[in-house]
Amino acid sequence: MKNKKGLLLILAGLLITICVICEYALPSDATAKAYFVHVNTNGEKVQRNQFSGYKYTLKCYKKDGSSETRTFYSANKLDKNKKFKIHVANNQLVSNYKQVKELPSQIQYYAEK
C-alpha cells in the first residue's frame, strides 16, 4: 500500500514537472506579431490591476516594410532614441524585445519617408 502511494506521488510530481517545463520551454511569442520600432518617447507609466509598466503609441514596421501606428504595453522601459524588434501578443503586451543597431534596410527606407 505504501509503495502504491509513493509511486503515485512520484508520478504526480513528474507530471507537474513536465507541465511546468512545457509551459516555460515553448516560445510564448509564437502567436505574437513581430515589429520593428524606433522609440522616440519615454513611454507613459501605467499601473493597472496586476500590470505595472509602460504604454507606448508608436509607428511599428513589419518585416515587409508596411507600417501601422500601434499602442502596446511593456513591463520594462524601452530606452528612448533606440531601435527594437518587439513581439506584441494579441493582448497588446510585449512578450519579447531585442535592441537592434539599425532597422533592416527595407524598413529603414520606409521609415525615412
Protein backbone atom coordinates (compact mmCIF):
# COMPACT_ATOMS: atom_id res chain seq x y z
CA MET A 1 0.00 0.00 0.00
CA LYS A 2 2.82 2.41 0.90
CA ASN A 3 4.58 1.56 -2.35
CA LYS A 4 1.49 2.50 -4.35
CA LYS A 5 1.15 5.85 -2.57
CA GLY A 6 4.85 6.58 -3.09
CA LEU A 7 4.63 5.66 -6.76
CA LEU A 8 1.52 7.79 -7.18
CA LEU A 9 3.23 10.78 -5.54
CA ILE A 10 6.28 10.37 -7.76
CA LEU A 11 4.11 10.19 -10.90
CA ALA A 12 2.12 13.26 -9.83
CA GLY A 13 5.34 15.18 -9.18
CA LEU A 14 6.72 14.09 -12.55
CA LEU A 15 3.53 15.19 -14.32
CA ILE A 16 3.63 18.61 -12.64
CA THR A 17 7.31 18.99 -13.54
CA ILE A 18 6.62 18.15 -17.19
CA CYS A 19 3.75 20.66 -17.32
CA VAL A 20 5.93 23.42 -15.85
CA ILE A 21 8.78 22.68 -18.26
CA CYS A 22 6.43 22.69 -21.27
CA GLU A 23 4.85 25.96 -20.15
CA TYR A 24 8.16 27.78 -19.98
CA ALA A 25 10.04 25.99 -22.75
CA LEU A 26 7.56 26.71 -25.52
CA PRO A 27 8.01 30.18 -27.04
CA SER A 28 5.27 32.49 -25.85
CA ASP A 29 5.77 34.75 -28.85
CA ALA A 30 4.80 32.02 -31.34
CA THR A 31 1.47 33.76 -31.94
CA ALA A 32 2.80 37.26 -31.35
CA LYS A 33 3.48 39.61 -34.25
CA ALA A 34 6.99 40.94 -34.81
CA TYR A 35 7.55 44.66 -35.37
CA PHE A 36 10.50 47.00 -35.62
CA VAL A 37 10.16 50.30 -33.77
CA HIS A 38 12.23 53.41 -33.22
CA VAL A 39 11.35 54.57 -29.70
CA ASN A 40 11.20 58.37 -29.65
CA THR A 41 9.22 58.83 -26.42
CA ASN A 42 9.76 57.88 -22.79
CA GLY A 43 6.50 55.95 -22.64
CA GLU A 44 3.64 56.60 -20.27
CA LYS A 45 3.84 54.93 -16.84
CA VAL A 46 0.83 52.63 -16.40
CA GLN A 47 -0.49 50.82 -13.31
CA ARG A 48 -3.50 48.55 -13.94
CA ASN A 49 -4.72 45.66 -11.83
CA GLN A 50 -1.71 43.36 -11.77
CA PHE A 51 0.26 45.07 -14.56
CA SER A 52 2.86 47.72 -13.94
CA GLY A 53 4.78 49.02 -16.92
CA TYR A 54 4.84 51.48 -19.78
CA LYS A 55 2.43 52.34 -22.57
CA TYR A 56 3.76 53.29 -26.00
CA THR A 57 1.98 54.50 -29.11
CA LEU A 58 4.48 54.31 -31.95
CA LYS A 59 4.79 53.69 -35.64
CA CYS A 60 5.60 50.00 -35.99
CA TYR A 61 7.13 48.44 -39.09
CA LYS A 62 6.53 44.88 -40.24
CA LYS A 63 9.27 42.85 -41.90
CA ASP A 64 7.81 43.57 -45.36
CA GLY A 65 8.15 47.33 -44.78
CA SER A 66 4.48 48.12 -44.17
CA SER A 67 3.76 50.25 -41.13
CA GLU A 68 0.96 50.97 -38.71
CA THR A 69 0.62 53.01 -35.56
CA ARG A 70 0.09 50.66 -32.62
CA THR A 71 -0.38 51.02 -28.91
CA PHE A 72 1.44 48.40 -26.87
CA TYR A 73 2.45 47.83 -23.26
CA SER A 74 5.87 46.80 -21.99
CA ALA A 75 6.72 45.67 -18.48
CA ASN A 76 10.21 47.12 -18.99
CA LYS A 77 11.01 50.65 -20.07
CA LEU A 78 12.32 50.82 -23.63
CA ASP A 79 15.22 53.24 -23.97
CA LYS A 80 14.43 56.47 -25.80
CA ASN A 81 16.08 57.00 -29.21
CA LYS A 82 16.85 53.29 -29.58
CA LYS A 83 15.59 50.78 -32.13
CA PHE A 84 13.99 47.50 -31.12
CA LYS A 85 12.49 44.37 -32.59
CA ILE A 86 9.43 43.62 -30.47
CA HIS A 87 6.91 40.79 -30.37
CA VAL A 88 3.42 42.01 -29.48
CA ALA A 89 0.80 39.48 -28.41
CA ASN A 90 -2.93 39.83 -29.05
CA ASN A 91 -3.39 41.48 -25.65
CA GLN A 92 -1.04 44.32 -26.72
CA LEU A 93 1.69 43.20 -24.31
CA VAL A 94 5.29 42.98 -25.48
CA SER A 95 6.22 39.34 -24.93
CA ASN A 96 9.80 39.71 -26.13
CA TYR A 97 12.07 42.50 -27.31
CA LYS A 98 15.61 42.90 -28.57
CA GLN A 99 17.56 46.07 -29.21
CA VAL A 100 18.91 46.34 -32.76
CA LYS A 101 21.61 48.67 -34.03
CA GLU A 102 19.80 49.53 -37.25
CA LEU A 103 16.43 48.82 -38.77
CA PRO A 104 16.58 46.41 -41.73
CA SER A 105 17.35 48.26 -44.98
CA GLN A 106 13.84 47.93 -46.46
CA ILE A 107 12.27 49.24 -43.26
CA GLN A 108 14.88 52.00 -42.93
CA TYR A 109 13.86 53.23 -46.40
CA TYR A 110 10.19 53.49 -45.42
CA ALA A 111 10.99 54.96 -42.01
CA GLU A 112 12.87 57.86 -43.60
CA LYS A 113 9.99 58.76 -45.96
